[in-house]
Amino acid sequence: MRKLKSRQLNLFPGGIRKQKYNRGNPITKDVKLYRIKTFNQIRKAGGSLKDVAVKWGMSPNSCGKVHYIVWNYKEELGIN
């Protein structure tokens, strides 16, 4: 009886590698300040968090974390 050779597709060629964050395009201080400014403007005008997410180029479904992103930006930059 012949033993069949497995020909399963390798999903992780070269082994599993840990992803390195902020590698390709890190967010600069200017972008963080712009996002804080647009967040404040949109919210004062009566816009929703979904409007802010769309303005930033994020998915409208990720509107729940917009508030936390702004909070983190303010904490990093030392803005109250």
PDB file of N, CA and C in Angstrom:
ATOM      1  N   MET A   1       0.822  -1.165   0.000  1.00  0.00           N
ATOM      2  CA  MET A   1       0.000   0.000   0.000  1.00  0.00           C
ATOM      3  C   MET A   1       0.879   1.245   0.000  1.00  0.00           C
ATOM      4  N   ARG A   2       0.560   2.193  -0.878  1.00  0.00           N
ATOM      5  CA  ARG A   2       1.332   3.417  -1.000  1.00  0.00           C
ATOM      6  C   ARG A   2       0.864   4.465  -0.005  1.00  0.00           C
ATOM      7  N   LYS A   3       1.812   5.200   0.550  1.00  0.00           N
ATOM      8  CA  LYS A   3       1.477   6.300   1.443  1.00  0.00           C
ATOM      9  C   LYS A   3       1.327   7.568   0.605  1.00  0.00           C
ATOM     10  N   LEU A   4       0.174   8.238   0.728  1.00  0.00           N
ATOM     11  CA  LEU A   4      -0.078   9.448  -0.044  1.00  0.00           C
ATOM     12  C   LEU A   4       0.611  10.639   0.608  1.00  0.00           C
ATOM     13  N   LYS A   5       1.159  11.479  -0.230  1.00  0.00           N
ATOM     14  CA  LYS A   5       1.833  12.676   0.252  1.00  0.00           C
ATOM     15  C   LYS A   5       0.805  13.788   0.448  1.00  0.00           C
ATOM     16  N   SER A   6       0.899  14.478   1.577  1.00  0.00           N
ATOM     17  CA  SER A   6      -0.030  15.564   1.864  1.00  0.00           C
ATOM     18  C   SER A   6       0.342  16.790   1.035  1.00  0.00           C
ATOM     19  N   ARG A   7      -0.641  17.395   0.419  1.00  0.00           N
ATOM     20  CA  ARG A   7      -0.425  18.583  -0.391  1.00  0.00           C
ATOM     21  C   ARG A   7      -1.300  19.730   0.124  1.00  0.00           C
ATOM     22  N   GLN A   8      -1.256  19.927   1.417  1.00  0.00           N
ATOM     23  CA  GLN A   8      -2.049  20.988   2.019  1.00  0.00           C
ATOM     24  C   GLN A   8      -1.396  22.344   1.762  1.00  0.00           C
ATOM     25  N   LEU A   9      -2.224  23.325   1.503  1.00  0.00           N
ATOM     26  CA  LEU A   9      -1.748  24.677   1.250  1.00  0.00           C
ATOM     27  C   LEU A   9      -1.194  25.279   2.529  1.00  0.00           C
ATOM     28  N   ASN A  10      -0.014  25.856   2.457  1.00  0.00           N
ATOM     29  CA  ASN A  10       0.597  26.490   3.611  1.00  0.00           C
ATOM     30  C   ASN A  10       0.087  27.921   3.700  1.00  0.00           C
ATOM     31  N   LEU A  11      -0.688  28.213   4.757  1.00  0.00           N
ATOM     32  CA  LEU A  11      -1.263  29.545   4.908  1.00  0.00           C
ATOM     33  C   LEU A  11      -0.259  30.569   5.414  1.00  0.00           C
ATOM     34  N   PHE A  12       0.790  30.114   6.101  1.00  0.00           N
ATOM     35  CA  PHE A  12       1.799  31.004   6.657  1.00  0.00           C
ATOM     36  C   PHE A  12       3.172  30.603   6.144  1.00  0.00           C
ATOM     37  N   PRO A  13       3.504  30.952   4.899  1.00  0.00           N
ATOM     38  CA  PRO A  13       4.822  30.572   4.397  1.00  0.00           C
ATOM     39  C   PRO A  13       5.922  31.258   5.192  1.00  0.00           C
ATOM     40  N   GLY A  14       6.918  30.490   5.557  1.00  0.00           N
ATOM     41  CA  GLY A  14       8.029  31.051   6.322  1.00  0.00           C
ATOM     42  C   GLY A  14       7.759  31.087   7.807  1.00  0.00           C
ATOM     43  N   GLY A  15       6.683  30.499   8.261  1.00  0.00           N
ATOM     44  CA  GLY A  15       6.355  30.491   9.678  1.00  0.00           C
ATOM     45  C   GLY A  15       5.476  31.659  10.066  1.00  0.00           C
ATOM     46  N   ILE A  16       4.970  31.611  11.252  1.00  0.00           N
ATOM     47  CA  ILE A  16       4.108  32.674  11.751  1.00  0.00           C
ATOM     48  C   ILE A  16       4.980  33.787  12.303  1.00  0.00           C
ATOM     49  N   ARG A  17       4.728  34.997  11.838  1.00  0.00           N
ATOM     50  CA  ARG A  17       5.509  36.150  12.274  1.00  0.00           C
ATOM     51  C   ARG A  17       4.624  37.097  13.047  1.00  0.00           C
ATOM     52  N   LYS A  18       5.194  37.725  14.031  1.00  0.00           N
ATOM     53  CA  LYS A  18       4.454  38.685  14.824  1.00  0.00           C
ATOM     54  C   LYS A  18       4.347  39.999  14.046  1.00  0.00           C
ATOM     55  N   GLN A  19       3.150  40.564  14.037  1.00  0.00           N
ATOM     56  CA  GLN A  19       2.939  41.818  13.325  1.00  0.00           C
ATOM     57  C   GLN A  19       3.567  42.971  14.099  1.00  0.00           C
ATOM     58  N   LYS A  20       4.218  43.845  13.382  1.00  0.00           N
ATOM     59  CA  LYS A  20       4.807  45.025  14.001  1.00  0.00           C
ATOM     60  C   LYS A  20       3.880  46.204  13.738  1.00  0.00           C
ATOM     61  N   TYR A  21       3.495  46.875  14.808  1.00  0.00           N
ATOM     62  CA  TYR A  21       2.506  47.945  14.697  1.00  0.00           C
ATOM     63  C   TYR A  21       3.163  49.257  14.273  1.00  0.00           C
ATOM     64  N   ASN A  22       2.368  50.101  13.613  1.00  0.00           N
ATOM     65  CA  ASN A  22       2.784  51.435  13.138  1.00  0.00           C
ATOM     66  C   ASN A  22       4.038  51.360  12.283  1.00  0.00           C
ATOM     67  N   ARG A  23       4.120  50.355  11.465  1.00  0.00           N
ATOM     68  CA  ARG A  23       5.313  50.173  10.663  1.00  0.00           C
ATOM     69  C   ARG A  23       5.269  50.970   9.368  1.00  0.00           C
ATOM     70  N   GLY A  24       4.142  50.923   8.683  1.00  0.00           N
ATOM     71  CA  GLY A  24       4.067  51.527   7.371  1.00  0.00           C
ATOM     72  C   GLY A  24       3.834  53.019   7.388  1.00  0.00           C
ATOM     73  N   ASN A  25       2.837  53.469   8.138  1.00  0.00           N
ATOM     74  CA  ASN A  25       2.467  54.868   8.096  1.00  0.00           C
ATOM     75  C   ASN A  25       2.033  55.323   9.494  1.00  0.00           C
ATOM     76  N   PRO A  26       2.971  55.656  10.366  1.00  0.00           N
ATOM     77  CA  PRO A  26       2.585  56.079  11.710  1.00  0.00           C
ATOM     78  C   PRO A  26       1.883  57.433  11.694  1.00  0.00           C
ATOM     79  N   ILE A  27       1.018  57.634  12.652  1.00  0.00           N
ATOM     80  CA  ILE A  27       0.259  58.882  12.739  1.00  0.00           C
ATOM     81  C   ILE A  27       1.145  59.949  13.378  1.00  0.00           C
ATOM     82  N   THR A  28       1.274  61.072  12.698  1.00  0.00           N
ATOM     83  CA  THR A  28       2.131  62.156  13.182  1.00  0.00           C
ATOM     84  C   THR A  28       1.365  63.049  14.149  1.00  0.00           C
ATOM     85  N   LYS A  29       2.086  63.944  14.784  1.00  0.00           N
ATOM     86  CA  LYS A  29       1.485  64.878  15.732  1.00  0.00           C
ATOM     87  C   LYS A  29       0.494  65.797  15.025  1.00  0.00           C
ATOM     88  N   ASP A  30       0.827  66.224  13.810  1.00  0.00           N
ATOM     89  CA  ASP A  30      -0.072  67.097  13.056  1.00  0.00           C
ATOM     90  C   ASP A  30      -1.399  66.416  12.757  1.00  0.00           C
ATOM     91  N   VAL A  31      -1.344  65.139  12.397  1.00  0.00           N
ATOM     92  CA  VAL A  31      -2.564  64.392  12.098  1.00  0.00           C
ATOM     93  C   VAL A  31      -3.408  64.231  13.359  1.00  0.00           C
ATOM     94  N   LYS A  32      -2.751  63.973  14.490  1.00  0.00           N
ATOM     95  CA  LYS A  32      -3.482  63.829  15.749  1.00  0.00           C
ATOM     96  C   LYS A  32      -4.174  65.137  16.117  1.00  0.00           C
ATOM     97  N   LEU A  33      -3.478  66.259  15.969  1.00  0.00           N
ATOM     98  CA  LEU A  33      -4.089  67.557  16.266  1.00  0.00           C
ATOM     99  C   LEU A  33      -5.248  67.862  15.321  1.00  0.00           C
ATOM    100  N   TYR A  34      -5.099  67.515  14.042  1.00  0.00           N
ATOM    101  CA  TYR A  34      -6.168  67.712  13.069  1.00  0.00           C
ATOM    102  C   TYR A  34      -7.393  66.877  13.442  1.00  0.00           C
ATOM    103  N   ARG A  35      -7.161  65.626  13.847  1.00  0.00           N
ATOM    104  CA  ARG A  35      -8.271  64.760  14.214  1.00  0.00           C
ATOM    105  C   ARG A  35      -8.987  65.263  15.462  1.00  0.00           C
ATOM    106  N   ILE A  36      -8.241  65.773  16.429  1.00  0.00           N
ATOM    107  CA  ILE A  36      -8.866  66.329  17.634  1.00  0.00           C
ATOM    108  C   ILE A  36      -9.708  67.543  17.264  1.00  0.00           C
ATOM    109  N   LYS A  37      -9.174  68.398  16.382  1.00  0.00           N
ATOM    110  CA  LYS A  37      -9.889  69.607  15.964  1.00  0.00           C
ATOM    111  C   LYS A  37     -11.175  69.252  15.209  1.00  0.00           C
ATOM    112  N   THR A  38     -11.100  68.314  14.267  1.00  0.00           N
ATOM    113  CA  THR A  38     -12.296  67.931  13.511  1.00  0.00           C
ATOM    114  C   THR A  38     -13.311  67.226  14.407  1.00  0.00           C
ATOM    115  N   PHE A  39     -12.842  66.430  15.368  1.00  0.00           N
ATOM    116  CA  PHE A  39     -13.755  65.783  16.304  1.00  0.00           C
ATOM    117  C   PHE A  39     -14.558  66.832  17.074  1.00  0.00           C
ATOM    118  N   ASN A  40     -13.848  67.836  17.596  1.00  0.00           N
ATOM    119  CA  ASN A  40     -14.535  68.887  18.364  1.00  0.00           C
ATOM    120  C   ASN A  40     -15.509  69.675  17.493  1.00  0.00           C
ATOM    121  N   GLN A  41     -15.115  70.004  16.258  1.00  0.00           N
ATOM    122  CA  GLN A  41     -15.982  70.770  15.369  1.00  0.00           C
ATOM    123  C   GLN A  41     -17.246  69.999  15.010  1.00  0.00           C
ATOM    124  N   ILE A  42     -17.095  68.735  14.665  1.00  0.00           N
ATOM    125  CA  ILE A  42     -18.245  67.932  14.243  1.00  0.00           C
ATOM    126  C   ILE A  42     -19.191  67.694  15.412  1.00  0.00           C
ATOM    127  N   ARG A  43     -18.645  67.407  16.587  1.00  0.00           N
ATOM    128  CA  ARG A  43     -19.491  67.140  17.743  1.00  0.00           C
ATOM    129  C   ARG A  43     -20.228  68.408  18.203  1.00  0.00           C
ATOM    130  N   LYS A  44     -19.563  69.590  18.133  1.00  0.00           N
ATOM    131  CA  LYS A  44     -20.232  70.842  18.515  1.00  0.00           C
ATOM    132  C   LYS A  44     -21.339  71.202  17.538  1.00  0.00           C
ATOM    133  N   ALA A  45     -21.175  70.817  16.275  1.00  0.00           N
ATOM    134  CA  ALA A  45     -22.188  71.099  15.263  1.00  0.00           C
ATOM    135  C   ALA A  45     -23.352  70.110  15.316  1.00  0.00           C
ATOM    136  N   GLY A  46     -23.268  69.130  16.216  1.00  0.00           N
ATOM    137  CA  GLY A  46     -24.364  68.174  16.351  1.00  0.00           C
ATOM    138  C   GLY A  46     -24.160  66.892  15.568  1.00  0.00           C
ATOM    139  N   GLY A  47     -22.974  66.677  15.059  1.00  0.00           N
ATOM    140  CA  GLY A  47     -22.692  65.458  14.305  1.00  0.00           C
ATOM    141  C   GLY A  47     -22.488  64.263  15.223  1.00  0.00           C
ATOM    142  N   SER A  48     -22.616  63.088  14.656  1.00  0.00           N
ATOM    143  CA  SER A  48     -22.478  61.866  15.436  1.00  0.00           C
ATOM    144  C   SER A  48     -21.040  61.341  15.349  1.00  0.00           C
ATOM    145  N   LEU A  49     -20.757  60.328  16.155  1.00  0.00           N
ATOM    146  CA  LEU A  49     -19.434  59.697  16.099  1.00  0.00           C
ATOM    147  C   LEU A  49     -19.218  59.021  14.751  1.00  0.00           C
ATOM    148  N   LYS A  50     -20.296  58.578  14.123  1.00  0.00           N
ATOM    149  CA  LYS A  50     -20.204  57.972  12.795  1.00  0.00           C
ATOM    150  C   LYS A  50     -19.737  59.004  11.767  1.00  0.00           C
ATOM    151  N   ASP A  51     -20.205  60.238  11.905  1.00  0.00           N
ATOM    152  CA  ASP A  51     -19.758  61.317  11.013  1.00  0.00           C
ATOM    153  C   ASP A  51     -18.264  61.584  11.173  1.00  0.00           C
ATOM    154  N   VAL A  52     -17.795  61.527  12.413  1.00  0.00           N
ATOM    155  CA  VAL A  52     -16.373  61.740  12.676  1.00  0.00           C
ATOM    156  C   VAL A  52     -15.550  60.619  12.057  1.00  0.00           C
ATOM    157  N   ALA A  53     -16.004  59.382  12.208  1.00  0.00           N
ATOM    158  CA  ALA A  53     -15.276  58.237  11.652  1.00  0.00           C
ATOM    159  C   ALA A  53     -15.182  58.336  10.135  1.00  0.00           C
ATOM    160  N   VAL A  54     -16.260  58.740   9.490  1.00  0.00           N
ATOM    161  CA  VAL A  54     -16.245  58.882   8.026  1.00  0.00           C
ATOM    162  C   VAL A  54     -15.306  60.003   7.608  1.00  0.00           C
ATOM    163  N   LYS A  55     -15.296  61.114   8.350  1.00  0.00           N
ATOM    164  CA  LYS A  55     -14.408  62.244   8.039  1.00  0.00           C
ATOM    165  C   LYS A  55     -12.950  61.831   8.137  1.00  0.00           C
ATOM    166  N   TRP A  56     -12.634  60.977   9.108  1.00  0.00           N
ATOM    167  CA  TRP A  56     -11.257  60.509   9.294  1.00  0.00           C
ATOM    168  C   TRP A  56     -10.861  59.442   8.294  1.00  0.00           C
ATOM    169  N   GLY A  57     -11.821  58.888   7.553  1.00  0.00           N
ATOM    170  CA  GLY A  57     -11.506  57.835   6.596  1.00  0.00           C
ATOM    171  C   GLY A  57     -11.572  56.448   7.197  1.00  0.00           C
ATOM    172  N   MET A  58     -12.238  56.328   8.333  1.00  0.00           N
ATOM    173  CA  MET A  58     -12.398  55.030   8.974  1.00  0.00           C
ATOM    174  C   MET A  58     -13.751  54.437   8.575  1.00  0.00           C
ATOM    175  N   SER A  59     -13.948  53.186   8.930  1.00  0.00           N
ATOM    176  CA  SER A  59     -15.226  52.543   8.678  1.00  0.00           C
ATOM    177  C   SER A  59     -16.295  53.155   9.574  1.00  0.00           C
ATOM    178  N   PRO A  60     -17.498  53.378   9.053  1.00  0.00           N
ATOM    179  CA  PRO A  60     -18.568  53.912   9.903  1.00  0.00           C
ATOM    180  C   PRO A  60     -18.927  52.968  11.049  1.00  0.00           C
ATOM    181  N   ASN A  61     -18.627  51.690  10.891  1.00  0.00           N
ATOM    182  CA  ASN A  61     -18.928  50.717  11.943  1.00  0.00           C
ATOM    183  C   ASN A  61     -17.947  50.821  13.112  1.00  0.00           C
ATOM    184  N   SER A  62     -16.845  51.520  12.944  1.00  0.00           N
ATOM    185  CA  SER A  62     -15.873  51.654  14.025  1.00  0.00           C
ATOM    186  C   SER A  62     -16.079  52.946  14.802  1.00  0.00           C
ATOM    187  N   CYS A  63     -17.284  53.478  14.741  1.00  0.00           N
ATOM    188  CA  CYS A  63     -17.546  54.760  15.400  1.00  0.00           C
ATOM    189  C   CYS A  63     -17.493  54.641  16.914  1.00  0.00           C
ATOM    190  N   GLY A  64     -17.610  53.443  17.475  1.00  0.00           N
ATOM    191  CA  GLY A  64     -17.580  53.271  18.913  1.00  0.00           C
ATOM    192  C   GLY A  64     -16.238  53.560  19.530  1.00  0.00           C
ATOM    193  N   LYS A  65     -15.170  53.409  18.749  1.00  0.00           N
ATOM    194  CA  LYS A  65     -13.845  53.644  19.323  1.00  0.00           C
ATOM    195  C   LYS A  65     -13.270  55.022  18.998  1.00  0.00           C
ATOM    196  N   VAL A  66     -14.012  55.851  18.299  1.00  0.00           N
ATOM    197  CA  VAL A  66     -13.541  57.196  17.955  1.00  0.00           C
ATOM    198  C   VAL A  66     -13.302  58.017  19.214  1.00  0.00           C
ATOM    199  N   HIS A  67     -14.219  57.920  20.160  1.00  0.00           N
ATOM    200  CA  HIS A  67     -14.097  58.685  21.395  1.00  0.00           C
ATOM    201  C   HIS A  67     -12.828  58.285  22.142  1.00  0.00           C
ATOM    202  N   TYR A  68     -12.520  56.993  22.174  1.00  0.00           N
ATOM    203  CA  TYR A  68     -11.324  56.520  22.871  1.00  0.00           C
ATOM    204  C   TYR A  68     -10.048  56.908  22.130  1.00  0.00           C
ATOM    205  N   ILE A  69     -10.106  56.955  20.819  1.00  0.00           N
ATOM    206  CA  ILE A  69      -8.944  57.377  20.035  1.00  0.00           C
ATOM    207  C   ILE A  69      -8.601  58.830  20.354  1.00  0.00           C
ATOM    208  N   VAL A  70      -9.619  59.691  20.385  1.00  0.00           N
ATOM    209  CA  VAL A  70      -9.401  61.102  20.702  1.00  0.00           C
ATOM    210  C   VAL A  70      -8.863  61.238  22.116  1.00  0.00           C
ATOM    211  N   TRP A  71      -9.415  60.468  23.033  1.00  0.00           N
ATOM    212  CA  TRP A  71      -8.943  60.503  24.422  1.00  0.00           C
ATOM    213  C   TRP A  71      -7.470  60.109  24.505  1.00  0.00           C
ATOM    214  N   ASN A  72      -7.056  59.072  23.762  1.00  0.00           N
ATOM    215  CA  ASN A  72      -5.655  58.650  23.744  1.00  0.00           C
ATOM    216  C   ASN A  72      -4.758  59.727  23.122  1.00  0.00           C
ATOM    217  N   TYR A  73      -5.221  60.357  22.045  1.00  0.00           N
ATOM    218  CA  TYR A  73      -4.442  61.418  21.410  1.00  0.00           C
ATOM    219  C   TYR A  73      -4.222  62.575  22.388  1.00  0.00           C
ATOM    220  N   LYS A  74      -5.266  62.974  23.100  1.00  0.00           N
ATOM    221  CA  LYS A  74      -5.140  64.069  24.059  1.00  0.00           C
ATOM    222  C   LYS A  74      -4.198  63.696  25.198  1.00  0.00           C
ATOM    223  N   GLU A  75      -4.254  62.445  25.622  1.00  0.00           N
ATOM    224  CA  GLU A  75      -3.378  62.001  26.699  1.00  0.00           C
ATOM    225  C   GLU A  75      -1.910  61.983  26.247  1.00  0.00           C
ATOM    226  N   GLU A  76      -1.660  61.528  25.013  1.00  0.00           N
ATOM    227  CA  GLU A  76      -0.299  61.483  24.480  1.00  0.00           C
ATOM    228  C   GLU A  76       0.281  62.888  24.315  1.00  0.00           C
ATOM    229  N   LEU A  77      -0.544  63.829  23.868  1.00  0.00           N
ATOM    230  CA  LEU A  77      -0.083  65.190  23.591  1.00  0.00           C
ATOM    231  C   LEU A  77      -0.154  66.098  24.813  1.00  0.00           C
ATOM    232  N   GLY A  78      -0.778  65.633  25.892  1.00  0.00           N
ATOM    233  CA  GLY A  78      -0.868  66.442  27.098  1.00  0.00           C
ATOM    234  C   GLY A  78      -1.902  67.544  27.021  1.00  0.00           C
ATOM    235  N   ILE A  79      -2.965  67.327  26.247  1.00  0.00           N
ATOM    236  CA  ILE A  79      -4.030  68.299  26.086  1.00  0.00           C
ATOM    237  C   ILE A  79      -5.169  67.922  27.042  1.00  0.00           C
ATOM    238  N   ASN A  80      -5.728  68.921  27.705  1.00  0.00           N
ATOM    239  CA  ASN A  80      -6.855  68.649  28.618  1.00  0.00           C
ATOM    240  C   ASN A  80      -8.178  68.887  27.969  1.00  0.00           C
TER     241      ASN A  80
END
